[in-house]
Amino acid sequence: MPVPKKKTSKSKRGMRRSHDALTQVNVSVCPNCQEPKLPHKVCLSCGFYGDKEVISVEEE
């Protein structure tokens, strides 16, 4: 099993890990009920996608 011949410097290690950072989730507002929702997804609180009702949601 091969082992590293030289120590990896902090700079090289950091450059390799530069794409590992977490990104913040984008949240948009539902145009129908003003609740936060993920973009390009059906609103889970009212069931609308844009101006069309896609799923029926029961009211509690």
C-alpha atoms as a PDB file:
ATOM      1  CA  MET A   1       0.000   0.000   0.000  1.00  0.00           C
ATOM      2  CA  PRO A   2       1.578   3.306  -1.038  1.00  0.00           C
ATOM      3  CA  VAL A   3       1.981   6.030   1.538  1.00  0.00           C
ATOM      4  CA  PRO A   4       2.481   9.773   0.965  1.00  0.00           C
ATOM      5  CA  LYS A   5       6.143  10.630   0.403  1.00  0.00           C
ATOM      6  CA  LYS A   6       5.810  14.232   1.596  1.00  0.00           C
ATOM      7  CA  LYS A   7       3.609  16.138   3.988  1.00  0.00           C
ATOM      8  CA  THR A   8       0.715  17.964   2.350  1.00  0.00           C
ATOM      9  CA  SER A   9       1.016  21.655   3.149  1.00  0.00           C
ATOM     10  CA  LYS A  10      -1.800  23.669   4.697  1.00  0.00           C
ATOM     11  CA  SER A  11      -2.130  25.587   1.449  1.00  0.00           C
ATOM     12  CA  LYS A  12      -2.559  22.485  -0.736  1.00  0.00           C
ATOM     13  CA  ARG A  13      -4.952  20.948   1.797  1.00  0.00           C
ATOM     14  CA  GLY A  14      -7.000  24.161   1.860  1.00  0.00           C
ATOM     15  CA  MET A  15      -7.099  24.379  -1.940  1.00  0.00           C
ATOM     16  CA  ARG A  16      -8.369  20.801  -2.129  1.00  0.00           C
ATOM     17  CA  ARG A  17     -11.074  21.557   0.431  1.00  0.00           C
ATOM     18  CA  SER A  18     -12.122  24.852  -1.170  1.00  0.00           C
ATOM     19  CA  HIS A  19     -15.221  23.267  -2.754  1.00  0.00           C
ATOM     20  CA  ASP A  20     -16.360  21.491   0.422  1.00  0.00           C
ATOM     21  CA  ALA A  21     -18.001  24.536   2.023  1.00  0.00           C
ATOM     22  CA  LEU A  22     -21.722  24.375   2.779  1.00  0.00           C
ATOM     23  CA  THR A  23     -23.997  26.727   0.877  1.00  0.00           C
ATOM     24  CA  GLN A  24     -27.073  28.397   2.325  1.00  0.00           C
ATOM     25  CA  VAL A  25     -30.435  27.085   1.123  1.00  0.00           C
ATOM     26  CA  ASN A  26     -32.346  29.527  -1.061  1.00  0.00           C
ATOM     27  CA  VAL A  27     -35.847  30.165   0.240  1.00  0.00           C
ATOM     28  CA  SER A  28     -38.514  31.979  -1.748  1.00  0.00           C
ATOM     29  CA  VAL A  29     -41.970  33.177  -0.740  1.00  0.00           C
ATOM     30  CA  CYS A  30     -45.151  31.522  -1.959  1.00  0.00           C
ATOM     31  CA  PRO A  31     -47.112  34.043  -4.062  1.00  0.00           C
ATOM     32  CA  ASN A  32     -50.414  32.587  -2.832  1.00  0.00           C
ATOM     33  CA  CYS A  33     -50.028  32.252   0.955  1.00  0.00           C
ATOM     34  CA  GLN A  34     -46.768  34.168   1.615  1.00  0.00           C
ATOM     35  CA  GLU A  35     -45.194  31.161   3.383  1.00  0.00           C
ATOM     36  CA  PRO A  36     -41.515  30.310   2.820  1.00  0.00           C
ATOM     37  CA  LYS A  37     -40.912  27.506   0.324  1.00  0.00           C
ATOM     38  CA  LEU A  38     -38.114  26.042  -1.759  1.00  0.00           C
ATOM     39  CA  PRO A  39     -37.865  27.488  -5.285  1.00  0.00           C
ATOM     40  CA  HIS A  40     -39.342  25.391  -8.127  1.00  0.00           C
ATOM     41  CA  LYS A  41     -41.263  23.225  -5.633  1.00  0.00           C
ATOM     42  CA  VAL A  42     -44.938  22.995  -4.680  1.00  0.00           C
ATOM     43  CA  CYS A  43     -45.828  24.992  -1.574  1.00  0.00           C
ATOM     44  CA  LEU A  44     -46.511  22.502   1.208  1.00  0.00           C
ATOM     45  CA  SER A  45     -48.808  24.809   3.147  1.00  0.00           C
ATOM     46  CA  CYS A  46     -51.299  25.669   0.373  1.00  0.00           C
ATOM     47  CA  GLY A  47     -50.521  23.190  -2.449  1.00  0.00           C
ATOM     48  CA  PHE A  48     -49.992  25.827  -5.134  1.00  0.00           C
ATOM     49  CA  TYR A  49     -47.209  25.972  -7.725  1.00  0.00           C
ATOM     50  CA  GLY A  50     -47.248  29.476  -9.149  1.00  0.00           C
ATOM     51  CA  ASP A  51     -50.906  30.310  -9.712  1.00  0.00           C
ATOM     52  CA  LYS A  52     -52.152  26.700 -10.109  1.00  0.00           C
ATOM     53  CA  GLU A  53     -53.329  24.383  -7.356  1.00  0.00           C
ATOM     54  CA  VAL A  54     -51.359  21.179  -7.854  1.00  0.00           C
ATOM     55  CA  ILE A  55     -52.193  19.246  -4.677  1.00  0.00           C
ATOM     56  CA  SER A  56     -55.064  19.622  -2.252  1.00  0.00           C
ATOM     57  CA  VAL A  57     -53.973  20.291   1.326  1.00  0.00           C
ATOM     58  CA  GLU A  58     -56.278  19.559   4.250  1.00  0.00           C
ATOM     59  CA  GLU A  59     -56.990  22.447   6.610  1.00  0.00           C
ATOM     60  CA  GLU A  60     -56.625  21.596  10.302  1.00  0.00           C
END
